[in-house]
Amino acid sequence: MRIVSWNVNGLRAVAKKGFLDWLNASKADVVCLQEIKANIEQVPEEVRAPKGWHVRMHSAQKAGYSGTAIFSRVKPDEYWSGLDKKLSPESHDEGRVLAARYGNLHVLSCYFPNSQEGGKRQAQKLAYFDAMGRKMVELVKKGQQVVVTGDYNVAHNEIDLARPDDNHENPGFFPWEREAMTRFLALGFVDSFRQAHPGLTEQYTWWSFRTAARARNVGWRIDYCCPDEKLQARVKSTWIEPSVMGSDHCPVGIELK
């Protein structure tokens, strides 16, 4: 199974930039999108119901904000959305978690909250990490397998961004959110790309629109595919696609045997 994840920064916007051509050429079995910024009725018919694909969207209550989607060549056995609503209402209200189940495999499209300037959403982000960890551990204990794809809004280690020394007190690289990522992985999950390429530098998935950052590759790796440890044994390959344009993020992928 070939799984690709992409924060499209607006599905309606990327639809005008060749999204369908990219989708059909991706060779993906499952495509997970984040930050779709739309309800399904707002999306053009050819995008919400493309030939050969099953589509499900989990939109935010707030118009034009957040949201996730899954495009699948094979109809999943089940879709589910959100996490513990008391612990992380944002996972529901802001459309931040959508999952498709294929047998005992759960493929998640996740849009982790941005901690924002000064860590204004620290509590929400930590709660989301906590709720995600609890839910994934619960599934694994039941004999299920999971791969948590999406925009985590965290560069985990210094190798994962171009200018770490300048960003220790900036959103996406606060010590507390990097520690939250460490705790999540320690529960039994794997950053597949970094495990496959432990010392590979200048590998990024997001670039600021300002100052021609992408052209200069001054970026951050904040998009991940993280399977549970047992599922990691089935990982055939994992990659980043920086040549794919249309968003301030690029797609990332994982292939399972």
C-alpha atoms as a PDB file:
ATOM      1  CA  MET A   1       0.000   0.000   0.000  1.00  0.00           C
ATOM      2  CA  ARG A   2       1.323   3.387  -1.048  1.00  0.00           C
ATOM      3  CA  ILE A   3       0.212   6.256   1.237  1.00  0.00           C
ATOM      4  CA  VAL A   4       0.845   9.936   0.532  1.00  0.00           C
ATOM      5  CA  SER A   5       0.122  12.865   2.859  1.00  0.00           C
ATOM      6  CA  TRP A   6      -0.026  16.548   1.886  1.00  0.00           C
ATOM      7  CA  ASN A   7      -1.030  19.782   3.603  1.00  0.00           C
ATOM      8  CA  VAL A   8      -2.579  21.486   0.578  1.00  0.00           C
ATOM      9  CA  ASN A   9      -3.208  24.869   2.248  1.00  0.00           C
ATOM     10  CA  GLY A  10      -6.677  25.039   0.711  1.00  0.00           C
ATOM     11  CA  LEU A  11      -8.176  22.287  -1.443  1.00  0.00           C
ATOM     12  CA  ARG A  12     -10.067  24.741  -3.652  1.00  0.00           C
ATOM     13  CA  ALA A  13      -6.863  26.685  -4.263  1.00  0.00           C
ATOM     14  CA  VAL A  14      -4.728  23.652  -5.071  1.00  0.00           C
ATOM     15  CA  ALA A  15      -7.489  22.310  -7.326  1.00  0.00           C
ATOM     16  CA  LYS A  16      -6.692  25.248  -9.625  1.00  0.00           C
ATOM     17  CA  LYS A  17      -2.993  24.328  -9.612  1.00  0.00           C
ATOM     18  CA  GLY A  18      -3.119  20.821 -11.055  1.00  0.00           C
ATOM     19  CA  PHE A  19      -4.192  18.826  -8.005  1.00  0.00           C
ATOM     20  CA  LEU A  20      -6.144  16.235  -9.990  1.00  0.00           C
ATOM     21  CA  ASP A  21      -3.270  15.687 -12.405  1.00  0.00           C
ATOM     22  CA  TRP A  22      -0.951  15.170  -9.446  1.00  0.00           C
ATOM     23  CA  LEU A  23      -3.455  12.887  -7.674  1.00  0.00           C
ATOM     24  CA  ASN A  24      -3.903  10.573 -10.650  1.00  0.00           C
ATOM     25  CA  ALA A  25      -0.168  10.454 -11.347  1.00  0.00           C
ATOM     26  CA  SER A  26       0.777   9.865  -7.699  1.00  0.00           C
ATOM     27  CA  LYS A  27       0.522   6.050  -7.853  1.00  0.00           C
ATOM     28  CA  ALA A  28      -0.886   6.324  -4.332  1.00  0.00           C
ATOM     29  CA  ASP A  29      -3.476   3.954  -2.937  1.00  0.00           C
ATOM     30  CA  VAL A  30      -4.412   6.426  -0.207  1.00  0.00           C
ATOM     31  CA  VAL A  31      -3.920  10.206  -0.184  1.00  0.00           C
ATOM     32  CA  CYS A  32      -4.322  12.064   3.104  1.00  0.00           C
ATOM     33  CA  LEU A  33      -4.843  15.828   2.952  1.00  0.00           C
ATOM     34  CA  GLN A  34      -4.686  18.484   5.637  1.00  0.00           C
ATOM     35  CA  GLU A  35      -5.809  22.110   5.825  1.00  0.00           C
ATOM     36  CA  ILE A  36      -8.451  21.634   3.153  1.00  0.00           C
ATOM     37  CA  LYS A  37     -10.232  24.841   4.278  1.00  0.00           C
ATOM     38  CA  ALA A  38     -13.582  23.839   2.776  1.00  0.00           C
ATOM     39  CA  ASN A  39     -16.763  21.849   3.187  1.00  0.00           C
ATOM     40  CA  ILE A  40     -17.369  19.144   0.617  1.00  0.00           C
ATOM     41  CA  GLU A  41     -20.162  21.103  -1.096  1.00  0.00           C
ATOM     42  CA  GLN A  42     -17.729  23.985  -1.694  1.00  0.00           C
ATOM     43  CA  VAL A  43     -15.292  21.788  -3.608  1.00  0.00           C
ATOM     44  CA  PRO A  44     -15.688  21.351  -7.389  1.00  0.00           C
ATOM     45  CA  GLU A  45     -17.505  18.164  -8.384  1.00  0.00           C
ATOM     46  CA  GLU A  46     -14.498  16.762 -10.231  1.00  0.00           C
ATOM     47  CA  VAL A  47     -12.409  17.087  -7.047  1.00  0.00           C
ATOM     48  CA  ARG A  48     -14.923  15.832  -4.491  1.00  0.00           C
ATOM     49  CA  ALA A  49     -15.848  12.844  -6.656  1.00  0.00           C
ATOM     50  CA  PRO A  50     -12.927  12.102  -9.011  1.00  0.00           C
ATOM     51  CA  LYS A  51     -13.215   8.978 -11.130  1.00  0.00           C
ATOM     52  CA  GLY A  52     -11.530   6.005  -9.503  1.00  0.00           C
ATOM     53  CA  TRP A  53     -11.404   7.506  -6.004  1.00  0.00           C
ATOM     54  CA  HIS A  54     -13.472   7.333  -2.824  1.00  0.00           C
ATOM     55  CA  VAL A  55     -13.423  10.639  -0.945  1.00  0.00           C
ATOM     56  CA  ARG A  56     -14.245  11.587   2.641  1.00  0.00           C
ATOM     57  CA  MET A  57     -13.749  15.010   4.220  1.00  0.00           C
ATOM     58  CA  HIS A  58     -13.787  16.110   7.859  1.00  0.00           C
ATOM     59  CA  SER A  59     -14.252  19.868   7.749  1.00  0.00           C
ATOM     60  CA  ALA A  60     -13.911  22.430  10.526  1.00  0.00           C
ATOM     61  CA  GLN A  61     -16.996  24.130  11.922  1.00  0.00           C
ATOM     62  CA  LYS A  62     -15.328  27.462  11.130  1.00  0.00           C
ATOM     63  CA  ALA A  63     -15.605  28.264   7.444  1.00  0.00           C
ATOM     64  CA  GLY A  64     -12.413  28.264   5.396  1.00  0.00           C
ATOM     65  CA  TYR A  65     -10.298  26.823   8.202  1.00  0.00           C
ATOM     66  CA  SER A  66      -8.352  23.647   8.942  1.00  0.00           C
ATOM     67  CA  GLY A  67      -9.958  20.317   7.974  1.00  0.00           C
ATOM     68  CA  THR A  68      -8.738  16.960   6.677  1.00  0.00           C
ATOM     69  CA  ALA A  69      -9.606  14.602   3.820  1.00  0.00           C
ATOM     70  CA  ILE A  70      -8.798  11.113   2.564  1.00  0.00           C
ATOM     71  CA  PHE A  71      -8.834  10.017  -1.085  1.00  0.00           C
ATOM     72  CA  SER A  72      -8.736   6.230  -1.472  1.00  0.00           C
ATOM     73  CA  ARG A  73      -8.671   4.015  -4.550  1.00  0.00           C
ATOM     74  CA  VAL A  74     -10.281   1.168  -2.572  1.00  0.00           C
ATOM     75  CA  LYS A  75     -13.330   1.888  -0.445  1.00  0.00           C
ATOM     76  CA  PRO A  76     -12.303   1.660   3.227  1.00  0.00           C
ATOM     77  CA  ASP A  77     -14.105  -0.697   5.551  1.00  0.00           C
ATOM     78  CA  GLU A  78     -14.795   2.239   7.865  1.00  0.00           C
ATOM     79  CA  TYR A  79     -14.115   5.933   8.392  1.00  0.00           C
ATOM     80  CA  TRP A  80     -13.828   7.556  11.795  1.00  0.00           C
ATOM     81  CA  SER A  81     -12.928  11.045  12.944  1.00  0.00           C
ATOM     82  CA  GLY A  82     -11.765  12.973  15.987  1.00  0.00           C
ATOM     83  CA  LEU A  83     -10.170  11.904  19.245  1.00  0.00           C
ATOM     84  CA  ASP A  84     -11.322  12.090  22.873  1.00  0.00           C
ATOM     85  CA  LYS A  85     -13.695  15.059  22.584  1.00  0.00           C
ATOM     86  CA  LYS A  86     -13.303  16.146  26.203  1.00  0.00           C
ATOM     87  CA  LEU A  87      -9.530  16.063  25.978  1.00  0.00           C
ATOM     88  CA  SER A  88      -9.213  17.516  22.466  1.00  0.00           C
ATOM     89  CA  PRO A  89     -12.385  19.205  21.191  1.00  0.00           C
ATOM     90  CA  GLU A  90     -10.271  20.708  18.389  1.00  0.00           C
ATOM     91  CA  SER A  91      -9.845  17.257  16.873  1.00  0.00           C
ATOM     92  CA  HIS A  92     -13.584  17.335  16.156  1.00  0.00           C
ATOM     93  CA  ASP A  93     -14.547  21.005  15.896  1.00  0.00           C
ATOM     94  CA  GLU A  94     -11.585  21.916  13.693  1.00  0.00           C
ATOM     95  CA  GLY A  95     -11.640  18.742  11.589  1.00  0.00           C
ATOM     96  CA  ARG A  96      -8.140  17.725  12.661  1.00  0.00           C
ATOM     97  CA  VAL A  97      -8.361  13.908  12.565  1.00  0.00           C
ATOM     98  CA  LEU A  98      -9.836  11.680   9.870  1.00  0.00           C
ATOM     99  CA  ALA A  99      -9.093   7.955   9.600  1.00  0.00           C
ATOM    100  CA  ALA A 100      -9.816   5.207   7.101  1.00  0.00           C
ATOM    101  CA  ARG A 101      -9.731   1.562   8.192  1.00  0.00           C
ATOM    102  CA  TYR A 102      -8.710  -1.243   5.849  1.00  0.00           C
ATOM    103  CA  GLY A 103      -9.078  -4.487   7.764  1.00  0.00           C
ATOM    104  CA  ASN A 104      -6.962  -3.964  10.882  1.00  0.00           C
ATOM    105  CA  LEU A 105      -4.966  -1.069   9.372  1.00  0.00           C
ATOM    106  CA  HIS A 106      -5.974   2.490  10.271  1.00  0.00           C
ATOM    107  CA  VAL A 107      -4.589   5.273   8.049  1.00  0.00           C
ATOM    108  CA  LEU A 108      -4.923   8.685   9.700  1.00  0.00           C
ATOM    109  CA  SER A 109      -4.841  12.147   8.162  1.00  0.00           C
ATOM    110  CA  CYS A 110      -3.964  14.533  10.990  1.00  0.00           C
ATOM    111  CA  TYR A 111      -3.546  18.282  11.269  1.00  0.00           C
ATOM    112  CA  PHE A 112      -1.936  18.990  14.638  1.00  0.00           C
ATOM    113  CA  PRO A 113      -2.657  22.458  16.075  1.00  0.00           C
ATOM    114  CA  ASN A 114      -0.136  25.235  15.501  1.00  0.00           C
ATOM    115  CA  SER A 115       1.218  26.403  18.855  1.00  0.00           C
ATOM    116  CA  GLN A 116       1.091  30.025  17.594  1.00  0.00           C
ATOM    117  CA  GLU A 117       3.174  32.997  18.632  1.00  0.00           C
ATOM    118  CA  GLY A 118       4.200  32.876  22.270  1.00  0.00           C
ATOM    119  CA  GLY A 119       2.705  29.396  22.565  1.00  0.00           C
ATOM    120  CA  LYS A 120      -0.869  30.715  22.749  1.00  0.00           C
ATOM    121  CA  ARG A 121      -2.244  27.275  21.869  1.00  0.00           C
ATOM    122  CA  GLN A 122       0.187  25.278  23.978  1.00  0.00           C
ATOM    123  CA  ALA A 123      -2.584  23.683  26.028  1.00  0.00           C
ATOM    124  CA  GLN A 124      -4.541  22.658  22.924  1.00  0.00           C
ATOM    125  CA  LYS A 125      -1.497  21.226  21.210  1.00  0.00           C
ATOM    126  CA  LEU A 126      -0.357  19.227  24.218  1.00  0.00           C
ATOM    127  CA  ALA A 127      -3.883  17.916  24.702  1.00  0.00           C
ATOM    128  CA  TYR A 128      -3.999  16.862  21.049  1.00  0.00           C
ATOM    129  CA  PHE A 129      -0.694  14.974  21.379  1.00  0.00           C
ATOM    130  CA  ASP A 130      -1.980  13.331  24.552  1.00  0.00           C
ATOM    131  CA  ALA A 131      -5.291  12.346  22.964  1.00  0.00           C
ATOM    132  CA  MET A 132      -3.540  11.040  19.853  1.00  0.00           C
ATOM    133  CA  GLY A 133      -1.143   8.937  21.888  1.00  0.00           C
ATOM    134  CA  ARG A 134      -3.927   7.458  24.008  1.00  0.00           C
ATOM    135  CA  LYS A 135      -6.064   6.581  20.994  1.00  0.00           C
ATOM    136  CA  MET A 136      -3.206   5.010  19.041  1.00  0.00           C
ATOM    137  CA  VAL A 137      -2.003   2.940  21.997  1.00  0.00           C
ATOM    138  CA  GLU A 138      -5.574   1.765  22.566  1.00  0.00           C
ATOM    139  CA  LEU A 139      -5.862   0.630  18.951  1.00  0.00           C
ATOM    140  CA  VAL A 140      -2.501  -1.158  18.975  1.00  0.00           C
ATOM    141  CA  LYS A 141      -3.408  -2.966  22.203  1.00  0.00           C
ATOM    142  CA  LYS A 142      -6.502  -4.263  20.404  1.00  0.00           C
ATOM    143  CA  GLY A 143      -4.344  -5.789  17.691  1.00  0.00           C
ATOM    144  CA  GLN A 144      -4.838  -2.977  15.195  1.00  0.00           C
ATOM    145  CA  GLN A 145      -2.099  -1.287  13.160  1.00  0.00           C
ATOM    146  CA  VAL A 146      -1.872   2.452  12.574  1.00  0.00           C
ATOM    147  CA  VAL A 147       0.014   4.979  10.490  1.00  0.00           C
ATOM    148  CA  VAL A 148      -0.360   8.579  11.649  1.00  0.00           C
ATOM    149  CA  THR A 149       0.261  10.827   8.660  1.00  0.00           C
ATOM    150  CA  GLY A 150      -0.023  14.567   8.425  1.00  0.00           C
ATOM    151  CA  ASP A 151       1.179  17.981   9.442  1.00  0.00           C
ATOM    152  CA  TYR A 152       2.427  17.711  13.024  1.00  0.00           C
ATOM    153  CA  ASN A 153       3.462  21.391  13.077  1.00  0.00           C
ATOM    154  CA  VAL A 154       6.701  20.372  14.832  1.00  0.00           C
ATOM    155  CA  ALA A 155      10.270  20.108  13.605  1.00  0.00           C
ATOM    156  CA  HIS A 156      11.351  17.359  15.985  1.00  0.00           C
ATOM    157  CA  ASN A 157      15.123  17.811  16.015  1.00  0.00           C
ATOM    158  CA  GLU A 158      17.658  20.395  14.900  1.00  0.00           C
ATOM    159  CA  ILE A 159      18.356  18.431  11.730  1.00  0.00           C
ATOM    160  CA  ASP A 160      14.714  18.990  10.776  1.00  0.00           C
ATOM    161  CA  LEU A 161      14.935  22.707  10.053  1.00  0.00           C
ATOM    162  CA  ALA A 162      17.363  24.972   8.270  1.00  0.00           C
ATOM    163  CA  ARG A 163      18.062  27.422  11.087  1.00  0.00           C
ATOM    164  CA  PRO A 164      17.564  25.766  14.474  1.00  0.00           C
ATOM    165  CA  ASP A 165      19.585  28.313  16.439  1.00  0.00           C
ATOM    166  CA  ASP A 166      17.196  31.076  15.374  1.00  0.00           C
ATOM    167  CA  ASN A 167      14.014  29.202  16.211  1.00  0.00           C
ATOM    168  CA  HIS A 168      14.160  27.710  19.699  1.00  0.00           C
ATOM    169  CA  GLU A 169      11.469  30.121  20.878  1.00  0.00           C
ATOM    170  CA  ASN A 170       9.339  30.054  17.741  1.00  0.00           C
ATOM    171  CA  PRO A 171       6.154  28.043  17.033  1.00  0.00           C
ATOM    172  CA  GLY A 172       6.961  24.602  15.706  1.00  0.00           C
ATOM    173  CA  PHE A 173      10.281  24.384  17.543  1.00  0.00           C
ATOM    174  CA  PHE A 174       9.417  25.236  21.134  1.00  0.00           C
ATOM    175  CA  PRO A 175      11.194  22.800  23.494  1.00  0.00           C
ATOM    176  CA  TRP A 176       7.882  21.674  24.996  1.00  0.00           C
ATOM    177  CA  GLU A 177       6.355  20.664  21.659  1.00  0.00           C
ATOM    178  CA  ARG A 178       9.503  18.853  20.570  1.00  0.00           C
ATOM    179  CA  GLU A 179       9.315  16.973  23.883  1.00  0.00           C
ATOM    180  CA  ALA A 180       5.662  16.158  23.155  1.00  0.00           C
ATOM    181  CA  MET A 181       6.736  14.644  19.852  1.00  0.00           C
ATOM    182  CA  THR A 182       9.422  12.623  21.620  1.00  0.00           C
ATOM    183  CA  ARG A 183       6.872  11.314  24.129  1.00  0.00           C
ATOM    184  CA  PHE A 184       4.467  10.361  21.354  1.00  0.00           C
ATOM    185  CA  LEU A 185       7.101   8.362  19.474  1.00  0.00           C
ATOM    186  CA  ALA A 186       8.220   6.711  22.731  1.00  0.00           C
ATOM    187  CA  LEU A 187       4.729   5.224  23.076  1.00  0.00           C
ATOM    188  CA  GLY A 188       5.631   2.881  20.221  1.00  0.00           C
ATOM    189  CA  PHE A 189       5.621   4.854  16.977  1.00  0.00           C
ATOM    190  CA  VAL A 190       8.301   5.574  14.383  1.00  0.00           C
ATOM    191  CA  ASP A 191       9.291   8.601  12.334  1.00  0.00           C
ATOM    192  CA  SER A 192       9.840   6.417   9.280  1.00  0.00           C
ATOM    193  CA  PHE A 193      11.672   8.988   7.173  1.00  0.00           C
ATOM    194  CA  ARG A 194      14.207   9.804   9.871  1.00  0.00           C
ATOM    195  CA  GLN A 195      14.733   6.138  10.718  1.00  0.00           C
ATOM    196  CA  ALA A 196      15.487   5.448   7.051  1.00  0.00           C
ATOM    197  CA  HIS A 197      17.696   8.540   6.681  1.00  0.00           C
ATOM    198  CA  PRO A 198      19.143   9.296  10.127  1.00  0.00           C
ATOM    199  CA  GLY A 199      21.811  11.757   9.027  1.00  0.00           C
ATOM    200  CA  LEU A 200      20.309  13.205   5.863  1.00  0.00           C
ATOM    201  CA  THR A 201      20.185  16.988   6.039  1.00  0.00           C
ATOM    202  CA  GLU A 202      18.248  19.681   4.171  1.00  0.00           C
ATOM    203  CA  GLN A 203      15.122  17.514   3.930  1.00  0.00           C
ATOM    204  CA  TYR A 204      12.122  19.769   4.450  1.00  0.00           C
ATOM    205  CA  THR A 205       8.354  19.691   3.878  1.00  0.00           C
ATOM    206  CA  TRP A 206       7.343  23.313   4.573  1.00  0.00           C
ATOM    207  CA  TRP A 207       8.767  26.662   3.514  1.00  0.00           C
ATOM    208  CA  SER A 208       7.545  30.139   4.369  1.00  0.00           C
ATOM    209  CA  PHE A 209       6.035  32.051   1.475  1.00  0.00           C
ATOM    210  CA  ARG A 210       8.194  34.982   2.542  1.00  0.00           C
ATOM    211  CA  THR A 211      11.753  35.742   1.442  1.00  0.00           C
ATOM    212  CA  ALA A 212      11.828  33.088  -1.320  1.00  0.00           C
ATOM    213  CA  ALA A 213      12.457  30.464   1.364  1.00  0.00           C
ATOM    214  CA  ARG A 214      11.551  27.541  -0.860  1.00  0.00           C
ATOM    215  CA  ALA A 215      13.862  28.584  -3.675  1.00  0.00           C
ATOM    216  CA  ARG A 216      16.674  28.754  -1.124  1.00  0.00           C
ATOM    217  CA  ASN A 217      15.502  25.583   0.681  1.00  0.00           C
ATOM    218  CA  VAL A 218      15.246  27.361   4.025  1.00  0.00           C
ATOM    219  CA  GLY A 219      12.581  25.046   5.345  1.00  0.00           C
ATOM    220  CA  TRP A 220      11.240  22.829   8.086  1.00  0.00           C
ATOM    221  CA  ARG A 221      10.349  19.116   8.153  1.00  0.00           C
ATOM    222  CA  ILE A 222       7.014  19.152   9.968  1.00  0.00           C
ATOM    223  CA  ASP A 223       5.022  16.577   7.949  1.00  0.00           C
ATOM    224  CA  TYR A 224       5.394  12.921   8.891  1.00  0.00           C
ATOM    225  CA  CYS A 225       4.293   9.345   8.317  1.00  0.00           C
ATOM    226  CA  CYS A 226       4.545   7.553  11.663  1.00  0.00           C
ATOM    227  CA  PRO A 227       3.496   3.880  11.828  1.00  0.00           C
ATOM    228  CA  ASP A 228       3.382   1.836  14.982  1.00  0.00           C
ATOM    229  CA  GLU A 229       6.550  -0.144  15.684  1.00  0.00           C
ATOM    230  CA  LYS A 230       5.176  -3.466  14.420  1.00  0.00           C
ATOM    231  CA  LEU A 231       3.908  -1.892  11.213  1.00  0.00           C
ATOM    232  CA  GLN A 232       7.325  -0.299  10.702  1.00  0.00           C
ATOM    233  CA  ALA A 233       8.611  -3.767   9.796  1.00  0.00           C
ATOM    234  CA  ARG A 234       6.384  -3.573   6.698  1.00  0.00           C
ATOM    235  CA  VAL A 235       7.726  -0.213   5.511  1.00  0.00           C
ATOM    236  CA  LYS A 236       9.264  -0.676   2.079  1.00  0.00           C
ATOM    237  CA  SER A 237      10.148   2.979   1.427  1.00  0.00           C
ATOM    238  CA  THR A 238       9.495   6.510   2.656  1.00  0.00           C
ATOM    239  CA  TRP A 239      10.062   9.816   0.912  1.00  0.00           C
ATOM    240  CA  ILE A 240       9.539  13.568   0.571  1.00  0.00           C
ATOM    241  CA  GLU A 241       8.419  15.211  -2.691  1.00  0.00           C
ATOM    242  CA  PRO A 242       9.787  18.804  -2.651  1.00  0.00           C
ATOM    243  CA  SER A 243       9.318  19.207  -6.410  1.00  0.00           C
ATOM    244  CA  VAL A 244       5.514  19.103  -6.043  1.00  0.00           C
ATOM    245  CA  MET A 245       4.231  22.677  -5.977  1.00  0.00           C
ATOM    246  CA  GLY A 246       0.845  24.227  -5.231  1.00  0.00           C
ATOM    247  CA  SER A 247       1.139  24.659  -1.453  1.00  0.00           C
ATOM    248  CA  ASP A 248       3.668  25.934   1.086  1.00  0.00           C
ATOM    249  CA  HIS A 249       4.029  22.258   2.063  1.00  0.00           C
ATOM    250  CA  CYS A 250       5.039  19.339  -0.131  1.00  0.00           C
ATOM    251  CA  PRO A 251       3.774  15.749  -0.033  1.00  0.00           C
ATOM    252  CA  VAL A 252       5.406  13.011   2.018  1.00  0.00           C
ATOM    253  CA  GLY A 253       4.882   9.297   1.552  1.00  0.00           C
ATOM    254  CA  ILE A 254       5.293   5.781   2.845  1.00  0.00           C
ATOM    255  CA  GLU A 255       4.938   2.425   1.106  1.00  0.00           C
ATOM    256  CA  LEU A 256       3.999  -0.736   2.992  1.00  0.00           C
ATOM    257  CA  LYS A 257       4.820  -4.266   1.845  1.00  0.00           C
END
